[in-house]
């Protein structure tokens, strides 16, 4: 949806140019998008870790793909390290981020 909004801004700005109007700026779109991306990253990282953890616990240890596991855990760890320091997350989201960071660190 953000992509659609950016396309609409481009279209509106193009039409404003056609009528020799000053282009309208939409800083709130970029602020909202950045904020949303942090929550989306928190949601997807937490969800992926918990689902994969259940899968990994359900299969035989020798069937685990070590490279895939290390890659995913490293990526999640890095994402949550950044999120746990984000200044614009709500207290609840920050708490979730820090707890998941702790859990992934313990899993490593």
N, C-alpha and C. Protein backbone atom coordinates (compact mmCIF):
# COMPACT_ATOMS: atom_id res chain seq x y z
N UNK A 1 0.81 -1.20 0.00
CA UNK A 1 0.00 0.00 0.00
C UNK A 1 0.85 1.26 0.00
N UNK A 2 2.00 1.19 0.64
CA UNK A 2 2.87 2.36 0.62
C UNK A 2 3.36 2.63 -0.81
N UNK A 3 3.61 1.56 -1.53
CA UNK A 3 4.03 1.72 -2.93
C UNK A 3 2.94 2.44 -3.73
N UNK A 4 1.69 2.06 -3.49
CA UNK A 4 0.57 2.72 -4.17
C UNK A 4 0.49 4.19 -3.78
N UNK A 5 0.72 4.48 -2.51
CA UNK A 5 0.69 5.86 -2.05
C UNK A 5 1.80 6.68 -2.70
N UNK A 6 2.99 6.10 -2.83
CA UNK A 6 4.09 6.80 -3.48
C UNK A 6 3.77 7.06 -4.95
N UNK A 7 3.15 6.08 -5.60
CA UNK A 7 2.74 6.26 -7.00
C UNK A 7 1.71 7.38 -7.12
N UNK A 8 0.79 7.45 -6.17
CA UNK A 8 -0.23 8.50 -6.18
C UNK A 8 0.41 9.87 -5.96
N UNK A 9 1.38 9.96 -5.07
CA UNK A 9 2.09 11.22 -4.84
C UNK A 9 2.78 11.65 -6.13
N UNK A 10 3.43 10.72 -6.81
CA UNK A 10 4.10 11.04 -8.07
C UNK A 10 3.10 11.54 -9.10
N UNK A 11 1.96 10.88 -9.19
CA UNK A 11 0.92 11.30 -10.13
C UNK A 11 0.40 12.69 -9.80
N UNK A 12 0.11 12.93 -8.53
CA UNK A 12 -0.39 14.25 -8.10
C UNK A 12 0.65 15.33 -8.40
N UNK A 13 1.91 15.04 -8.07
CA UNK A 13 2.97 16.03 -8.33
C UNK A 13 3.12 16.30 -9.83
N UNK A 14 2.98 15.28 -10.64
CA UNK A 14 3.06 15.44 -12.09
C UNK A 14 1.93 16.35 -12.57
N UNK A 15 0.74 16.12 -12.08
CA UNK A 15 -0.42 16.96 -12.47
C UNK A 15 -0.26 18.39 -11.98
N UNK A 16 0.31 18.55 -10.78
CA UNK A 16 0.56 19.90 -10.27
C UNK A 16 1.53 20.64 -11.19
N UNK A 17 2.56 19.93 -11.69
CA UNK A 17 3.52 20.54 -12.61
C UNK A 17 2.82 20.98 -13.90
N UNK A 18 1.92 20.12 -14.39
CA UNK A 18 1.20 20.45 -15.62
C UNK A 18 0.42 21.75 -15.51
N UNK A 19 -0.08 22.05 -14.32
CA UNK A 19 -0.85 23.26 -14.09
C UNK A 19 -0.01 24.38 -13.47
N UNK A 20 1.32 24.20 -13.54
CA UNK A 20 2.28 25.18 -13.02
C UNK A 20 2.02 25.49 -11.54
N UNK A 21 1.63 24.47 -10.82
CA UNK A 21 1.39 24.61 -9.38
C UNK A 21 2.61 24.13 -8.62
N UNK A 22 2.74 24.62 -7.41
CA UNK A 22 3.81 24.15 -6.54
C UNK A 22 3.51 22.71 -6.15
N UNK A 23 4.54 21.85 -6.22
CA UNK A 23 4.35 20.44 -5.86
C UNK A 23 4.11 20.31 -4.37
N UNK A 24 3.13 19.50 -4.03
CA UNK A 24 2.80 19.25 -2.64
C UNK A 24 3.77 18.21 -2.08
N UNK A 25 4.24 18.45 -0.88
CA UNK A 25 5.11 17.48 -0.20
C UNK A 25 4.27 16.67 0.77
N UNK A 26 4.65 15.45 0.97
CA UNK A 26 3.92 14.54 1.85
C UNK A 26 4.88 13.89 2.85
N UNK A 27 5.47 14.68 3.75
CA UNK A 27 6.44 14.11 4.69
C UNK A 27 5.83 13.08 5.62
N UNK A 28 4.53 13.21 5.94
CA UNK A 28 3.89 12.26 6.84
C UNK A 28 3.84 10.86 6.23
N UNK A 29 3.82 10.77 4.91
CA UNK A 29 3.83 9.46 4.26
C UNK A 29 5.14 8.73 4.56
N UNK A 30 6.24 9.43 4.44
CA UNK A 30 7.54 8.82 4.67
C UNK A 30 7.75 8.49 6.16
N UNK A 31 7.27 9.36 7.03
CA UNK A 31 7.37 9.11 8.47
C UNK A 31 6.55 7.88 8.86
N UNK A 32 5.34 7.81 8.34
CA UNK A 32 4.45 6.68 8.64
C UNK A 32 5.03 5.39 8.08
N UNK A 33 5.56 5.46 6.87
CA UNK A 33 6.14 4.26 6.25
C UNK A 33 7.33 3.74 7.06
N UNK A 34 8.19 4.62 7.49
CA UNK A 34 9.36 4.21 8.27
C UNK A 34 8.92 3.57 9.59
N UNK A 35 7.96 4.18 10.25
CA UNK A 35 7.46 3.64 11.51
C UNK A 35 6.82 2.27 11.29
N UNK A 36 6.02 2.16 10.26
CA UNK A 36 5.36 0.89 9.96
C UNK A 36 6.37 -0.21 9.66
N UNK A 37 7.41 0.12 8.94
CA UNK A 37 8.42 -0.88 8.59
C UNK A 37 9.07 -1.49 9.82
N UNK A 38 9.25 -0.69 10.87
CA UNK A 38 9.84 -1.23 12.10
C UNK A 38 8.89 -2.23 12.76
N UNK A 39 7.60 -1.91 12.79
CA UNK A 39 6.63 -2.83 13.38
C UNK A 39 6.48 -4.09 12.52
N UNK A 40 6.51 -3.93 11.21
CA UNK A 40 6.41 -5.08 10.31
C UNK A 40 7.62 -5.99 10.49
N UNK A 41 8.80 -5.41 10.65
CA UNK A 41 10.01 -6.20 10.87
C UNK A 41 9.93 -6.94 12.20
N UNK A 42 9.46 -6.27 13.24
CA UNK A 42 9.30 -6.93 14.54
C UNK A 42 8.33 -8.10 14.44
N UNK A 43 7.20 -7.87 13.78
CA UNK A 43 6.18 -8.91 13.63
C UNK A 43 6.73 -10.10 12.83
N UNK A 44 7.33 -9.83 11.68
CA UNK A 44 7.79 -10.93 10.82
C UNK A 44 8.95 -11.69 11.46
N UNK A 45 9.85 -10.99 12.12
CA UNK A 45 10.98 -11.66 12.77
C UNK A 45 10.51 -12.55 13.91
N UNK A 46 9.64 -12.01 14.76
CA UNK A 46 9.11 -12.78 15.88
C UNK A 46 8.33 -13.99 15.39
N UNK A 47 7.48 -13.79 14.42
CA UNK A 47 6.67 -14.87 13.87
C UNK A 47 7.54 -15.96 13.25
N UNK A 48 8.50 -15.56 12.44
CA UNK A 48 9.38 -16.53 11.79
C UNK A 48 10.18 -17.34 12.79
N UNK A 49 10.73 -16.65 13.79
CA UNK A 49 11.52 -17.36 14.80
C UNK A 49 10.67 -18.39 15.54
N UNK A 50 9.50 -17.98 15.99
CA UNK A 50 8.66 -18.89 16.78
C UNK A 50 8.17 -20.07 15.94
N UNK A 51 7.81 -19.83 14.69
CA UNK A 51 7.36 -20.94 13.82
C UNK A 51 8.51 -21.89 13.51
N UNK A 52 9.67 -21.33 13.16
CA UNK A 52 10.82 -22.18 12.85
C UNK A 52 11.30 -22.93 14.08
N UNK A 53 11.23 -22.30 15.23
CA UNK A 53 11.64 -22.97 16.47
C UNK A 53 10.78 -24.20 16.72
N UNK A 54 9.48 -24.07 16.52
CA UNK A 54 8.58 -25.23 16.66
C UNK A 54 8.95 -26.33 15.67
N UNK A 55 9.24 -25.94 14.44
CA UNK A 55 9.62 -26.91 13.41
C UNK A 55 10.92 -27.60 13.79
N UNK A 56 11.91 -26.83 14.21
CA UNK A 56 13.21 -27.40 14.57
C UNK A 56 13.10 -28.35 15.75
N UNK A 57 12.21 -28.06 16.66
CA UNK A 57 12.03 -28.94 17.82
C UNK A 57 11.31 -30.23 17.45
N UNK A 58 10.55 -30.19 16.37
CA UNK A 58 9.73 -31.34 15.98
C UNK A 58 10.48 -32.33 15.09
N UNK A 59 11.60 -31.92 14.51
CA UNK A 59 12.31 -32.84 13.61
C UNK A 59 13.57 -33.37 14.29
N UNK A 60 14.09 -34.41 13.70
CA UNK A 60 15.31 -35.02 14.22
C UNK A 60 16.48 -34.05 14.06
N UNK A 61 17.33 -33.99 15.05
CA UNK A 61 18.46 -33.07 15.06
C UNK A 61 19.33 -33.22 13.82
N UNK A 62 19.51 -34.45 13.36
CA UNK A 62 20.37 -34.69 12.20
C UNK A 62 19.74 -34.20 10.89
N UNK A 63 18.45 -33.92 10.92
CA UNK A 63 17.77 -33.43 9.72
C UNK A 63 17.81 -31.91 9.59
N UNK A 64 18.35 -31.24 10.60
CA UNK A 64 18.43 -29.77 10.55
C UNK A 64 19.46 -29.33 9.51
N UNK A 65 19.12 -28.30 8.79
CA UNK A 65 20.05 -27.68 7.84
C UNK A 65 20.82 -26.61 8.61
N UNK A 66 22.04 -26.93 9.00
CA UNK A 66 22.82 -26.05 9.86
C UNK A 66 23.06 -24.68 9.25
N UNK A 67 23.38 -24.64 7.96
CA UNK A 67 23.65 -23.36 7.30
C UNK A 67 22.40 -22.47 7.28
N UNK A 68 21.26 -23.08 6.98
CA UNK A 68 20.00 -22.33 6.96
C UNK A 68 19.66 -21.82 8.35
N UNK A 69 19.82 -22.67 9.34
CA UNK A 69 19.54 -22.30 10.73
C UNK A 69 20.42 -21.13 11.16
N UNK A 70 21.73 -21.25 10.92
CA UNK A 70 22.66 -20.19 11.31
C UNK A 70 22.36 -18.88 10.59
N UNK A 71 22.01 -18.97 9.32
CA UNK A 71 21.70 -17.78 8.54
C UNK A 71 20.46 -17.07 9.09
N UNK A 72 19.41 -17.84 9.32
CA UNK A 72 18.17 -17.26 9.84
C UNK A 72 18.37 -16.65 11.22
N UNK A 73 18.99 -17.38 12.11
CA UNK A 73 19.19 -16.90 13.48
C UNK A 73 20.06 -15.64 13.48
N UNK A 74 21.10 -15.62 12.66
CA UNK A 74 21.94 -14.43 12.57
C UNK A 74 21.18 -13.22 12.06
N UNK A 75 20.36 -13.42 11.05
CA UNK A 75 19.55 -12.34 10.49
C UNK A 75 18.56 -11.82 11.52
N UNK A 76 17.88 -12.72 12.21
CA UNK A 76 16.90 -12.32 13.23
C UNK A 76 17.59 -11.57 14.37
N UNK A 77 18.73 -12.09 14.79
CA UNK A 77 19.48 -11.47 15.88
C UNK A 77 19.86 -10.04 15.52
N UNK A 78 20.36 -9.85 14.31
CA UNK A 78 20.77 -8.53 13.85
C UNK A 78 19.56 -7.58 13.76
N UNK A 79 18.45 -8.07 13.23
CA UNK A 79 17.24 -7.23 13.11
C UNK A 79 16.74 -6.80 14.48
N UNK A 80 16.69 -7.73 15.40
CA UNK A 80 16.18 -7.41 16.73
C UNK A 80 17.15 -6.54 17.53
N UNK A 81 18.42 -6.66 17.27
CA UNK A 81 19.40 -5.78 17.93
C UNK A 81 19.13 -4.33 17.52
N UNK A 82 18.85 -4.11 16.23
CA UNK A 82 18.53 -2.76 15.77
C UNK A 82 17.21 -2.28 16.35
N UNK A 83 16.20 -3.16 16.33
CA UNK A 83 14.88 -2.77 16.82
C UNK A 83 14.86 -2.50 18.32
N UNK A 84 15.66 -3.22 19.08
CA UNK A 84 15.65 -3.03 20.53
C UNK A 84 16.21 -1.67 20.93
N UNK A 85 16.84 -0.98 19.97
CA UNK A 85 17.38 0.36 20.23
C UNK A 85 16.55 1.45 19.55
N UNK A 86 15.48 1.07 18.87
CA UNK A 86 14.66 2.04 18.14
C UNK A 86 13.97 2.98 19.12
N UNK A 87 14.06 4.25 18.82
CA UNK A 87 13.51 5.26 19.74
C UNK A 87 12.01 5.48 19.56
N UNK A 88 11.47 5.13 18.40
CA UNK A 88 10.07 5.47 18.16
C UNK A 88 9.11 4.28 18.28
N UNK A 89 9.55 3.18 18.85
CA UNK A 89 8.64 2.06 19.12
C UNK A 89 7.90 2.33 20.43
N UNK A 90 6.70 1.81 20.53
CA UNK A 90 5.97 1.93 21.79
C UNK A 90 6.70 1.10 22.85
N UNK A 91 6.39 1.36 24.10
CA UNK A 91 7.02 0.60 25.18
C UNK A 91 6.74 -0.89 25.05
N UNK A 92 5.52 -1.25 24.64
CA UNK A 92 5.15 -2.65 24.50
C UNK A 92 5.94 -3.30 23.36
N UNK A 93 6.05 -2.61 22.24
CA UNK A 93 6.80 -3.16 21.10
C UNK A 93 8.28 -3.27 21.44
N UNK A 94 8.80 -2.29 22.14
CA UNK A 94 10.20 -2.33 22.56
C UNK A 94 10.44 -3.50 23.51
N UNK A 95 9.50 -3.74 24.39
CA UNK A 95 9.59 -4.86 25.32
C UNK A 95 9.59 -6.20 24.57
N UNK A 96 8.72 -6.33 23.58
CA UNK A 96 8.67 -7.55 22.76
C UNK A 96 9.99 -7.72 22.03
N UNK A 97 10.48 -6.64 21.45
CA UNK A 97 11.74 -6.68 20.72
C UNK A 97 12.89 -7.14 21.61
N UNK A 98 12.98 -6.59 22.80
CA UNK A 98 14.05 -6.96 23.73
C UNK A 98 13.91 -8.40 24.21
N UNK A 99 12.68 -8.84 24.46
CA UNK A 99 12.46 -10.23 24.89
C UNK A 99 12.83 -11.21 23.78
N UNK A 100 12.43 -10.91 22.56
CA UNK A 100 12.77 -11.80 21.45
C UNK A 100 14.28 -11.79 21.19
N UNK A 101 14.91 -10.64 21.35
CA UNK A 101 16.37 -10.56 21.22
C UNK A 101 17.03 -11.47 22.26
N UNK A 102 16.52 -11.42 23.49
CA UNK A 102 17.06 -12.26 24.56
C UNK A 102 16.87 -13.74 24.22
N UNK A 103 15.68 -14.10 23.73
CA UNK A 103 15.40 -15.50 23.41
C UNK A 103 16.26 -16.02 22.25
N UNK A 104 16.44 -15.19 21.24
CA UNK A 104 17.26 -15.60 20.10
C UNK A 104 18.72 -15.67 20.52
N UNK A 105 19.17 -14.75 21.35
CA UNK A 105 20.54 -14.80 21.85
C UNK A 105 20.77 -16.07 22.65
N UNK A 106 19.81 -16.45 23.47
CA UNK A 106 19.92 -17.69 24.24
C UNK A 106 19.91 -18.91 23.33
N UNK A 107 19.16 -18.85 22.26
CA UNK A 107 19.08 -19.96 21.32
C UNK A 107 20.41 -20.15 20.57
N UNK A 108 21.07 -19.03 20.26
CA UNK A 108 22.34 -19.08 19.54
C UNK A 108 23.33 -19.95 20.29
